[in-house]
Amino acid sequence: MKTEKQNSVSNKHRMSSSICMCIFGFIIFLFFASPEKAVQAQELAPAPRMAPAPAPAPASKYLPPPAMIAPEELKSIAPAPAPLPAPGIPAPAVPAPEPVVQKRIGLIQIALPFKVEINKPFNIEVWFEPSDDKFSERVEVFMDETDGTVKYKPNNLILKPNAHQTVEACVVKSNSGLARVIVYGDFKRLEPRYVTIDAGFSAKLQAKNLDRAIESGTPRSIILDFTDSEGKTISLEAPVKLSLQSANTLFKQSDGSWTNKIEFDMKQGQTSSPAIEIKPKSWTMDVGMIMAGAGIDYDHVVLNQNIPFTISPPWWLSLLMAVMGGILHGTYQTTRAINEGSGPLTNRILKEGFPRIAGGALAGLISYFFIDWNIIGIKIDTTSLKGFVILGFLFSYVGIDLILKHILPKK
């Protein structure tokens, strides 16, 4: 039979054992509840067994090289949509994709005479010049005969790189005396060739709106027509470059500036030049001259022609000359009146001279408008400044009253 002392010792031992078990269980709970410890526990855990990877399939000879096949992740990824703009703010402009330009493999070269005769055969050398010296393929080119101006034998060629072939050509017809040789192939791969030749260019330039005098300093628009020997307008079978220059006339360019030389391209099929604005710069009566020239490829000139026209003085200078002619006669009358009169010289000048000089100036002024409006039917050389001086002198000498008495209807 246990004593009371032995029972108390046993109870204390059981209590201490329970406390130790609780502390040990709490430590184990903290160890597995920590994230770092859980990761370490997973790393310490044995890895699950994976299925073996399949063996790679043998490469097929019908597939493109691996470098030409896009990776799977690139194919599956779609472009991210652009963010929507806020209300009231315009959306930014999205640039259009740049077109892919295929690099040309080379260009076609030709050698031929620039001046030939109609219905007389001539030879053309044609060859293909590659961009890369390592290019060795043959190319097919064609000699264009669509407009019926030039015929070729043969008109279809197979060219090796830098190998020359001879083609027999003949200009069978041409209204203006021009012809165009066109050699082309695959336009995406080959640079075509266009060359204009002279087959007896005989067209002339005929100016419109130059039949009357142009007032100096006043612009005027003219048009140049290409005409045949009979003066009929003809069209060009090939493009030309038309150049105009002059020593005493200015030409207006597209930017609005004035220059003494202008050039522009005449396209195939055109019969007339565009409207050309000219402005003479001579203040006196003069003969203007436009030197016109037409050229084709490689600065080969097919036309040199001078186009004359008349330049009249500016209106204000003609008016001034007419007034000076009237003043000249008034001065002559004043001189006579002063010599024949008596009294102080100042009084004679003011009394006799001023009215006559003013009347002569008025007569010269009226004479200019009478001639300019063709009131009295007098024909004088209005292109010369001397004619206006004489006109003012005569009106002052005859008198305005006498002139008006003859031209006004009698009552």
Protein backbone atom coordinates (compact mmCIF):
# COMPACT_ATOMS: atom_id res chain seq x y z
CA MET A 1 0.00 0.00 0.00
CA LYS A 2 1.45 3.21 -1.24
CA THR A 3 1.92 6.00 1.06
CA GLU A 4 0.72 9.58 0.60
CA LYS A 5 4.26 10.77 -0.11
CA GLN A 6 4.71 8.32 -2.97
CA ASN A 7 1.44 9.45 -4.62
CA SER A 8 2.46 13.10 -4.66
CA VAL A 9 5.78 12.28 -6.33
CA SER A 10 4.03 10.26 -9.03
CA ASN A 11 1.57 13.08 -9.77
CA LYS A 12 4.41 15.59 -10.16
CA HIS A 13 6.17 13.29 -12.61
CA ARG A 14 3.09 12.93 -14.78
CA MET A 15 2.56 16.72 -14.85
CA SER A 16 6.12 17.45 -15.95
CA SER A 17 5.87 14.83 -18.72
CA SER A 18 2.67 16.41 -20.08
CA ILE A 19 4.26 19.86 -20.09
CA CYS A 20 7.27 18.60 -22.07
CA MET A 21 5.04 16.90 -24.63
CA CYS A 22 3.06 20.10 -25.17
CA ILE A 23 6.22 22.18 -25.64
CA PHE A 24 7.62 19.62 -28.12
CA GLY A 25 4.36 19.56 -30.11
CA PHE A 26 4.26 23.38 -30.28
CA ILE A 27 7.86 23.50 -31.62
CA ILE A 28 6.99 20.96 -34.32
CA PHE A 29 3.90 23.03 -35.31
CA LEU A 30 5.99 26.22 -35.68
CA PHE A 31 8.58 24.36 -37.77
CA PHE A 32 6.11 23.14 -40.39
CA ALA A 33 3.97 26.30 -40.37
CA SER A 34 6.94 28.55 -41.51
CA PRO A 35 7.01 29.17 -45.39
CA GLU A 36 10.75 28.82 -45.58
CA LYS A 37 10.68 25.56 -43.74
CA ALA A 38 7.85 24.31 -45.94
CA VAL A 39 9.95 25.01 -49.05
CA GLN A 40 12.89 23.23 -47.49
CA ALA A 41 10.61 20.35 -46.66
CA GLN A 42 9.45 20.19 -50.28
CA GLU A 43 13.04 20.28 -51.51
CA LEU A 44 13.94 17.48 -49.13
CA ALA A 45 10.95 15.49 -50.32
CA PRO A 46 11.70 12.99 -53.10
CA ALA A 47 10.88 14.29 -56.63
CA PRO A 48 7.99 12.61 -58.42
CA ARG A 49 8.85 10.37 -61.31
CA MET A 50 8.37 12.06 -64.77
CA ALA A 51 7.47 10.35 -67.99
CA PRO A 52 10.44 10.06 -70.39
CA ALA A 53 10.61 12.74 -73.16
CA PRO A 54 9.79 11.49 -76.66
CA ALA A 55 12.67 11.12 -79.10
CA PRO A 56 13.01 13.99 -81.69
CA ALA A 57 11.46 13.27 -85.07
CA PRO A 58 13.86 12.92 -88.01
CA ALA A 59 14.29 16.10 -90.10
CA SER A 60 12.30 16.11 -93.36
CA LYS A 61 13.95 17.23 -96.59
CA TYR A 62 10.73 18.97 -97.69
CA LEU A 63 10.69 21.40 -94.78
CA PRO A 64 12.48 24.74 -94.87
CA PRO A 65 15.69 25.15 -92.87
CA PRO A 66 15.22 25.63 -89.11
CA ALA A 67 16.24 29.30 -89.41
CA MET A 68 13.18 30.00 -91.61
CA ILE A 69 10.68 28.49 -89.15
CA ALA A 70 9.36 30.91 -86.54
CA PRO A 71 9.46 29.72 -82.89
CA GLU A 72 6.18 28.51 -81.49
CA GLU A 73 6.07 31.16 -78.81
CA LEU A 74 6.40 33.89 -81.45
CA LYS A 75 3.54 32.45 -83.48
CA SER A 76 1.16 32.22 -80.54
CA ILE A 77 1.75 35.67 -79.12
CA ALA A 78 -0.70 38.24 -80.49
CA PRO A 79 0.22 41.95 -80.64
CA ALA A 80 -1.01 43.87 -77.63
CA PRO A 81 -3.86 46.26 -78.49
CA ALA A 82 -3.13 49.96 -78.28
CA PRO A 83 -4.65 51.68 -75.23
CA LEU A 84 -7.85 53.59 -75.90
CA PRO A 85 -7.53 57.40 -75.70
CA ALA A 86 -9.37 59.34 -73.05
CA PRO A 87 -12.72 60.89 -74.04
CA GLY A 88 -12.27 64.15 -75.94
CA ILE A 89 -8.65 63.41 -76.91
CA PRO A 90 -8.04 62.39 -80.55
CA ALA A 91 -6.43 59.04 -81.08
CA PRO A 92 -2.76 59.15 -82.19
CA ALA A 93 -2.10 58.39 -85.84
CA VAL A 94 -0.88 54.87 -86.40
CA PRO A 95 1.89 54.81 -89.02
CA ALA A 96 1.18 52.58 -92.00
CA PRO A 97 3.51 49.63 -92.45
CA GLU A 98 6.31 50.33 -94.87
CA PRO A 99 6.04 48.37 -98.10
CA VAL A 100 8.63 45.72 -98.61
CA VAL A 101 10.72 46.73 -101.62
CA GLN A 102 12.22 43.84 -103.45
CA LYS A 103 15.83 44.49 -104.37
CA ARG A 104 16.38 44.50 -108.11
CA ILE A 105 18.96 42.15 -109.51
CA GLY A 106 20.33 44.66 -112.01
CA LEU A 107 19.51 46.85 -114.98
CA ILE A 108 19.36 46.66 -118.75
CA GLN A 109 21.96 48.54 -120.74
CA ILE A 110 21.73 49.50 -124.42
CA ALA A 111 24.01 51.16 -126.96
CA LEU A 112 22.53 52.77 -130.07
CA PRO A 113 22.90 55.83 -132.34
CA PHE A 114 20.95 58.95 -131.33
CA LYS A 115 20.24 60.07 -134.90
CA VAL A 116 18.75 57.64 -137.42
CA GLU A 117 16.61 57.75 -140.55
CA ILE A 118 13.06 56.52 -140.99
CA ASN A 119 12.76 53.11 -142.71
CA LYS A 120 16.51 52.58 -142.49
CA PRO A 121 17.61 49.72 -140.15
CA PHE A 122 20.19 50.26 -137.43
CA ASN A 123 21.71 48.05 -134.72
CA ILE A 124 21.18 48.14 -130.96
CA GLU A 125 23.42 46.35 -128.47
CA VAL A 126 21.56 45.03 -125.43
CA TRP A 127 23.07 43.46 -122.31
CA PHE A 128 22.15 42.75 -118.71
CA GLU A 129 24.30 44.25 -115.96
CA PRO A 130 23.70 42.49 -112.60
CA SER A 131 23.97 44.27 -109.27
CA ASP A 132 25.94 41.36 -107.81
CA ASP A 133 28.96 39.97 -109.66
CA LYS A 134 28.09 36.50 -108.36
CA PHE A 135 24.69 36.50 -110.09
CA SER A 136 24.76 33.95 -112.93
CA GLU A 137 21.13 33.42 -113.93
CA ARG A 138 19.72 34.34 -117.34
CA VAL A 139 17.03 36.98 -117.69
CA GLU A 140 14.35 37.51 -120.31
CA VAL A 141 13.81 40.99 -121.78
CA PHE A 142 11.45 42.41 -124.40
CA MET A 143 11.77 45.18 -127.00
CA ASP A 144 8.56 47.22 -126.81
CA GLU A 145 6.59 47.58 -130.07
CA THR A 146 3.20 48.63 -128.67
CA ASP A 147 3.07 52.09 -130.31
CA GLY A 148 4.09 50.78 -133.74
CA THR A 149 6.84 53.39 -134.15
CA VAL A 150 9.86 51.05 -133.95
CA LYS A 151 10.16 47.41 -135.07
CA TYR A 152 12.81 44.98 -133.78
CA LYS A 153 14.39 41.71 -134.90
CA PRO A 154 14.27 39.85 -132.56
CA ASN A 155 12.00 41.51 -129.99
CA ASN A 156 12.49 38.88 -127.27
CA LEU A 157 15.93 38.12 -125.76
CA ILE A 158 17.41 35.74 -123.19
CA LEU A 159 20.44 37.50 -121.72
CA LYS A 160 23.35 36.15 -119.72
CA PRO A 161 25.01 38.55 -117.29
CA ASN A 162 27.18 41.06 -119.18
CA ALA A 163 26.76 39.18 -122.49
CA HIS A 164 25.97 41.55 -125.40
CA GLN A 165 23.36 40.75 -128.04
CA THR A 166 22.62 42.70 -131.22
CA VAL A 167 19.08 43.66 -132.22
CA GLU A 168 18.15 45.10 -135.61
CA ALA A 169 15.76 48.06 -135.23
CA CYS A 170 13.93 50.30 -137.68
CA VAL A 171 11.81 53.42 -137.18
CA VAL A 172 8.81 52.85 -139.46
CA LYS A 173 6.86 56.06 -138.78
CA SER A 174 7.06 59.31 -136.84
CA ASN A 175 5.08 62.53 -137.21
CA SER A 176 7.45 64.69 -135.19
CA GLY A 177 10.67 62.91 -136.13
CA LEU A 178 11.17 61.32 -132.69
CA ALA A 179 11.11 57.68 -131.61
CA ARG A 180 11.46 55.91 -128.29
CA VAL A 181 13.34 52.67 -127.66
CA ILE A 182 11.98 50.77 -124.65
CA VAL A 183 13.57 47.58 -123.26
CA TYR A 184 11.99 45.92 -120.23
CA GLY A 185 11.80 42.65 -118.34
CA ASP A 186 10.45 41.74 -114.93
CA PHE A 187 9.86 45.21 -113.51
CA LYS A 188 10.18 43.93 -109.92
CA ARG A 189 13.64 42.53 -110.60
CA LEU A 190 15.02 44.51 -113.55
CA GLU A 191 15.45 48.22 -114.11
CA PRO A 192 13.92 49.01 -117.56
CA ARG A 193 15.53 51.32 -120.08
CA TYR A 194 13.98 54.21 -122.05
CA VAL A 195 15.97 56.09 -124.71
CA THR A 196 14.69 58.76 -127.13
CA ILE A 197 16.30 58.94 -130.59
CA ASP A 198 16.19 61.55 -133.34
CA ALA A 199 14.62 60.19 -136.53
CA GLY A 200 14.71 63.48 -138.43
CA PHE A 201 13.06 65.92 -136.02
CA SER A 202 11.54 68.67 -138.17
CA ALA A 203 8.89 70.24 -135.91
CA LYS A 204 8.92 73.98 -135.27
CA LEU A 205 7.62 76.13 -132.44
CA GLN A 206 4.80 78.57 -133.08
CA ALA A 207 3.96 81.09 -130.36
CA LYS A 208 0.45 82.11 -129.45
CA ASN A 209 -0.36 85.59 -128.07
CA LEU A 210 2.86 87.12 -129.40
CA ASP A 211 1.37 88.74 -132.52
CA ARG A 212 1.06 92.12 -130.78
CA ALA A 213 3.55 94.15 -128.81
CA ILE A 214 4.09 93.41 -125.14
CA GLU A 215 4.34 96.40 -122.84
CA SER A 216 7.59 96.47 -120.91
CA GLY A 217 7.23 95.42 -117.30
CA THR A 218 3.79 93.87 -117.91
CA PRO A 219 3.53 90.06 -117.77
CA ARG A 220 1.77 88.09 -120.49
CA SER A 221 1.02 84.39 -120.90
CA ILE A 222 2.05 82.63 -124.09
CA ILE A 223 1.81 79.07 -125.41
CA LEU A 224 4.24 77.34 -127.77
CA ASP A 225 2.84 74.79 -130.24
CA PHE A 226 4.83 72.11 -132.04
CA THR A 227 3.87 72.36 -135.73
CA ASP A 228 4.87 70.70 -138.99
CA SER A 229 6.05 72.42 -142.16
CA GLU A 230 2.45 73.39 -143.00
CA GLY A 231 1.79 74.97 -139.61
CA LYS A 232 -0.41 72.14 -138.30
CA THR A 233 -0.07 71.09 -134.69
CA ILE A 234 1.58 67.68 -134.18
CA SER A 235 2.11 65.49 -131.13
CA LEU A 236 5.44 64.25 -129.83
CA GLU A 237 6.23 60.53 -130.09
CA ALA A 238 8.76 60.84 -127.26
CA PRO A 239 9.43 63.19 -124.33
CA VAL A 240 11.77 66.17 -124.80
CA LYS A 241 13.18 68.87 -122.55
CA LEU A 242 12.22 72.36 -123.70
CA SER A 243 14.40 75.27 -122.59
CA LEU A 244 13.74 79.00 -123.07
CA GLN A 245 16.08 81.89 -122.41
CA SER A 246 16.26 85.57 -123.29
CA ALA A 247 18.45 88.59 -122.65
CA ASN A 248 15.66 91.18 -122.31
CA THR A 249 12.74 89.04 -121.10
CA LEU A 250 12.03 87.25 -117.82
CA PHE A 251 10.19 83.95 -117.34
CA LYS A 252 8.13 83.09 -114.28
CA GLN A 253 9.01 79.84 -112.55
CA SER A 254 6.71 77.57 -110.56
CA ASP A 255 7.88 79.06 -107.25
CA GLY A 256 6.85 82.56 -108.37
CA SER A 257 10.33 83.93 -109.00
CA TRP A 258 11.45 85.52 -112.29
CA THR A 259 14.49 84.37 -114.24
CA ASN A 260 15.91 84.77 -117.74
CA LYS A 261 15.97 80.99 -118.33
CA ILE A 262 13.40 78.28 -117.75
CA GLU A 263 13.23 74.55 -118.49
CA PHE A 264 10.41 72.03 -118.33
CA ASP A 265 9.73 68.52 -119.60
CA MET A 266 7.38 67.85 -122.50
CA LYS A 267 5.73 64.45 -122.16
CA GLN A 268 5.07 61.96 -124.88
CA GLY A 269 1.88 62.82 -126.77
CA GLN A 270 1.86 66.54 -125.92
CA THR A 271 1.29 69.06 -128.70
CA SER A 272 1.77 72.33 -126.84
CA SER A 273 3.72 73.69 -123.94
CA PRO A 274 1.98 74.76 -120.74
CA ALA A 275 1.15 78.44 -120.31
CA ILE A 276 4.40 80.39 -119.98
CA GLU A 277 4.34 83.78 -118.29
CA ILE A 278 6.88 86.26 -119.67
CA LYS A 279 7.72 89.87 -118.76
CA PRO A 280 9.94 92.15 -120.88
CA LYS A 281 12.37 94.27 -118.89
CA SER A 282 13.39 96.85 -121.54
CA TRP A 283 11.99 100.34 -120.85
CA THR A 284 12.31 101.53 -124.42
CA MET A 285 10.99 100.27 -127.71
CA ASP A 286 12.85 97.05 -128.42
CA VAL A 287 12.66 93.73 -130.24
CA GLY A 288 12.48 90.84 -127.80
CA MET A 289 14.01 87.48 -128.67
CA ILE A 290 13.31 84.09 -127.09
CA MET A 291 15.92 81.43 -127.79
CA ALA A 292 14.14 78.08 -127.67
CA GLY A 293 15.81 74.69 -127.65
CA ALA A 294 14.56 71.11 -127.44
CA GLY A 295 16.77 68.23 -126.32
CA ILE A 296 16.46 64.49 -125.79
CA ASP A 297 18.53 62.01 -123.78
CA TYR A 298 22.20 62.67 -123.12
CA ASP A 299 21.81 66.36 -124.05
CA HIS A 300 21.29 65.62 -127.74
CA VAL A 301 19.76 68.82 -129.20
CA VAL A 302 17.05 68.40 -131.86
CA LEU A 303 15.78 72.00 -132.12
CA ASN A 304 17.25 75.50 -131.98
CA GLN A 305 14.86 78.32 -132.83
CA ASN A 306 14.62 82.07 -132.20
CA ILE A 307 11.16 83.55 -131.55
CA PRO A 308 11.05 87.36 -132.01
CA PHE A 309 8.41 89.71 -130.63
CA THR A 310 7.92 93.45 -130.13
CA ILE A 311 8.36 95.23 -126.81
CA SER A 312 6.54 98.53 -126.33
CA PRO A 313 7.50 101.13 -123.70
CA PRO A 314 5.54 101.22 -120.44
CA TRP A 315 2.41 103.37 -120.58
CA TRP A 316 3.57 105.86 -118.00
CA LEU A 317 6.78 106.53 -119.94
CA SER A 318 4.82 107.07 -123.18
CA LEU A 319 2.49 109.46 -121.34
CA LEU A 320 5.47 111.36 -119.96
CA MET A 321 6.97 111.70 -123.46
CA ALA A 322 3.67 113.06 -124.86
CA VAL A 323 3.48 115.62 -122.04
CA MET A 324 7.09 116.62 -122.68
CA GLY A 325 6.26 117.16 -126.39
CA GLY A 326 3.44 119.52 -125.40
CA ILE A 327 5.69 121.34 -122.91
CA LEU A 328 8.31 121.70 -125.63
CA HIS A 329 5.90 123.65 -127.83
CA GLY A 330 4.65 125.68 -124.83
CA THR A 331 8.25 126.62 -123.99
CA TYR A 332 8.80 127.79 -127.57
CA GLN A 333 5.69 130.00 -127.37
CA THR A 334 6.79 131.34 -123.99
CA THR A 335 10.19 132.32 -125.37
CA ARG A 336 8.63 134.27 -128.22
CA ALA A 337 6.15 136.00 -125.90
CA ILE A 338 8.86 137.04 -123.47
CA ASN A 339 11.02 138.51 -126.24
CA GLU A 340 8.14 140.43 -127.80
CA GLY A 341 6.61 141.63 -124.53
CA SER A 342 7.53 144.51 -122.28
CA GLY A 343 7.74 145.04 -118.58
CA PRO A 344 9.58 143.16 -115.82
CA LEU A 345 10.88 139.71 -116.79
CA THR A 346 9.23 138.01 -113.83
CA ASN A 347 5.83 139.38 -114.74
CA ARG A 348 6.26 138.34 -118.35
CA ILE A 349 7.19 134.77 -117.32
CA LEU A 350 4.25 134.45 -114.96
CA LYS A 351 1.79 136.15 -117.28
CA GLU A 352 2.86 134.74 -120.65
CA GLY A 353 4.99 131.64 -119.89
CA PHE A 354 3.14 129.67 -117.25
CA PRO A 355 -0.22 129.49 -119.09
CA ARG A 356 1.44 128.39 -122.35
CA ILE A 357 3.59 125.72 -120.68
CA ALA A 358 0.61 124.39 -118.69
CA GLY A 359 -1.52 124.39 -121.84
CA GLY A 360 1.17 122.48 -123.74
CA ALA A 361 1.38 119.84 -120.97
CA LEU A 362 -2.41 119.46 -121.00
CA ALA A 363 -2.38 119.11 -124.80
CA GLY A 364 0.25 116.36 -124.55
CA LEU A 365 -1.80 114.56 -121.89
CA ILE A 366 -4.94 114.67 -124.03
CA SER A 367 -3.02 113.53 -127.11
CA TYR A 368 -1.92 110.33 -125.35
CA PHE A 369 -5.47 109.33 -124.45
CA PHE A 370 -6.78 110.23 -127.91
CA ILE A 371 -4.26 107.89 -129.51
CA ASP A 372 -4.56 105.17 -126.87
CA TRP A 373 -8.37 105.12 -127.22
CA ASN A 374 -8.21 105.65 -131.01
CA ILE A 375 -10.60 108.59 -130.91
CA ILE A 376 -9.35 110.58 -133.90
CA GLY A 377 -8.09 107.65 -136.01
CA ILE A 378 -4.47 108.86 -136.26
CA LYS A 379 -1.96 106.03 -136.68
CA ILE A 380 1.51 106.65 -135.31
CA ASP A 381 4.36 104.45 -134.22
CA THR A 382 3.31 103.96 -130.60
CA THR A 383 6.16 101.50 -130.01
CA SER A 384 8.65 104.38 -130.20
CA LEU A 385 8.99 107.07 -127.57
CA LYS A 386 9.81 109.65 -130.27
CA GLY A 387 6.33 109.19 -131.73
CA PHE A 388 4.71 110.29 -128.46
CA VAL A 389 6.95 113.37 -128.22
CA ILE A 390 5.94 114.42 -131.75
CA LEU A 391 2.29 113.68 -130.97
CA GLY A 392 2.33 115.95 -127.89
CA PHE A 393 4.05 118.73 -129.82
CA LEU A 394 1.48 118.60 -132.66
CA PHE A 395 -1.51 118.68 -130.29
CA SER A 396 -0.02 121.69 -128.52
CA TYR A 397 0.74 123.42 -131.83
CA VAL A 398 -2.67 122.84 -133.45
CA GLY A 399 -4.60 123.46 -130.29
CA ILE A 400 -7.18 121.41 -128.47
CA ASP A 401 -10.01 123.69 -129.53
CA LEU A 402 -9.32 123.21 -133.24
CA ILE A 403 -9.00 119.44 -132.83
CA LEU A 404 -12.24 119.14 -130.87
CA LYS A 405 -14.02 121.34 -133.44
CA HIS A 406 -13.20 118.80 -136.17
CA ILE A 407 -13.98 115.63 -134.26
CA LEU A 408 -17.11 116.72 -132.41
CA PRO A 409 -20.41 116.61 -134.34
CA LYS A 410 -21.60 119.96 -135.64
CA LYS A 411 -24.87 121.27 -134.32
